[in-house]
Amino acid sequence: MPNFGWTEILLIIVVVLLLFGARKLPDLARAIGRSLSEFKKGRAEGDQPGEKPKDQ
C-alpha cells in the first residue's frame, strides 16, 4: 500500500473539491457511508453458518 504524504492528500482533496464542488461533498459522503453500511450488512448475512448458497 502506498504511503501518502500531506501534500498528496491535500492535492487529492483539492481535486475532489474541484470535481464535485463543496455543496455536493456531504451528499457524496453520505451516499458512500450508506453503501458501505449495506455492503457490510450483506456480507454479514452471507457469512452466517447453516445457510446454503442459492443456485442460479
C-alpha atoms as a PDB file:
ATOM      1  CA  MET A   1       0.000   0.000   0.000  1.00  0.00           C
ATOM      2  CA  PRO A   2       1.463   3.350  -0.948  1.00  0.00           C
ATOM      3  CA  ASN A   3       2.319   5.861   1.725  1.00  0.00           C
ATOM      4  CA  PHE A   4       0.716   9.231   1.068  1.00  0.00           C
ATOM      5  CA  GLY A   5       2.243  12.396   2.461  1.00  0.00           C
ATOM      6  CA  TRP A   6       0.389  15.550   3.427  1.00  0.00           C
ATOM      7  CA  THR A   7       0.979  17.152   0.035  1.00  0.00           C
ATOM      8  CA  GLU A   8      -0.565  14.211  -1.826  1.00  0.00           C
ATOM      9  CA  ILE A   9      -3.580  14.127   0.493  1.00  0.00           C
ATOM     10  CA  LEU A  10      -4.070  17.883   0.111  1.00  0.00           C
ATOM     11  CA  LEU A  11      -3.831  17.585  -3.677  1.00  0.00           C
ATOM     12  CA  ILE A  12      -6.449  14.813  -3.692  1.00  0.00           C
ATOM     13  CA  ILE A  13      -8.794  16.917  -1.543  1.00  0.00           C
ATOM     14  CA  VAL A  14      -8.403  19.917  -3.851  1.00  0.00           C
ATOM     15  CA  VAL A  15      -9.112  17.789  -6.934  1.00  0.00           C
ATOM     16  CA  VAL A  16     -12.217  16.276  -5.296  1.00  0.00           C
ATOM     17  CA  LEU A  17     -13.447  19.758  -4.349  1.00  0.00           C
ATOM     18  CA  LEU A  18     -12.947  20.958  -7.909  1.00  0.00           C
ATOM     19  CA  LEU A  19     -14.707  17.944  -9.407  1.00  0.00           C
ATOM     20  CA  PHE A  20     -17.731  17.755  -7.114  1.00  0.00           C
ATOM     21  CA  GLY A  21     -17.994  21.182  -5.538  1.00  0.00           C
ATOM     22  CA  ALA A  22     -18.303  21.978  -1.854  1.00  0.00           C
ATOM     23  CA  ARG A  23     -22.098  21.600  -1.821  1.00  0.00           C
ATOM     24  CA  LYS A  24     -22.067  18.053  -3.198  1.00  0.00           C
ATOM     25  CA  LEU A  25     -19.448  16.635  -0.828  1.00  0.00           C
ATOM     26  CA  PRO A  26     -21.771  15.990   2.163  1.00  0.00           C
ATOM     27  CA  ASP A  27     -24.238  14.184  -0.101  1.00  0.00           C
ATOM     28  CA  LEU A  28     -21.425  12.169  -1.656  1.00  0.00           C
ATOM     29  CA  ALA A  29     -20.023  11.209   1.759  1.00  0.00           C
ATOM     30  CA  ARG A  30     -23.495  10.227   2.990  1.00  0.00           C
ATOM     31  CA  ALA A  31     -24.080   8.034  -0.067  1.00  0.00           C
ATOM     32  CA  ILE A  32     -20.703   6.332   0.351  1.00  0.00           C
ATOM     33  CA  GLY A  33     -21.447   5.697   4.033  1.00  0.00           C
ATOM     34  CA  ARG A  34     -24.823   4.158   3.251  1.00  0.00           C
ATOM     35  CA  SER A  35     -23.326   1.985   0.521  1.00  0.00           C
ATOM     36  CA  LEU A  36     -20.604   0.758   2.851  1.00  0.00           C
ATOM     37  CA  SER A  37     -23.193   0.026   5.533  1.00  0.00           C
ATOM     38  CA  GLU A  38     -25.320  -2.008   3.113  1.00  0.00           C
ATOM     39  CA  PHE A  39     -22.244  -3.873   1.891  1.00  0.00           C
ATOM     40  CA  LYS A  40     -21.236  -4.803   5.448  1.00  0.00           C
ATOM     41  CA  LYS A  41     -24.797  -5.904   6.254  1.00  0.00           C
ATOM     42  CA  GLY A  42     -24.970  -8.083   3.149  1.00  0.00           C
ATOM     43  CA  ARG A  43     -21.572  -9.592   3.859  1.00  0.00           C
ATOM     44  CA  ALA A  44     -22.588 -10.377   7.447  1.00  0.00           C
ATOM     45  CA  GLU A  45     -25.768 -12.075   6.243  1.00  0.00           C
ATOM     46  CA  GLY A  46     -23.781 -14.130   3.748  1.00  0.00           C
ATOM     47  CA  ASP A  47     -21.258 -15.228   6.384  1.00  0.00           C
ATOM     48  CA  GLN A  48     -23.865 -16.791   8.669  1.00  0.00           C
ATOM     49  CA  PRO A  49     -23.303 -20.543   9.025  1.00  0.00           C
ATOM     50  CA  GLY A  50     -26.009 -23.034   8.196  1.00  0.00           C
ATOM     51  CA  GLU A  51     -27.254 -21.345   5.082  1.00  0.00           C
ATOM     52  CA  LYS A  52     -26.595 -22.877   1.694  1.00  0.00           C
ATOM     53  CA  PRO A  53     -25.889 -20.588  -1.244  1.00  0.00           C
ATOM     54  CA  LYS A  54     -28.710 -20.356  -3.754  1.00  0.00           C
ATOM     55  CA  ASP A  55     -28.078 -21.920  -7.139  1.00  0.00           C
ATOM     56  CA  GLN A  56     -28.820 -19.706 -10.094  1.00  0.00           C
END
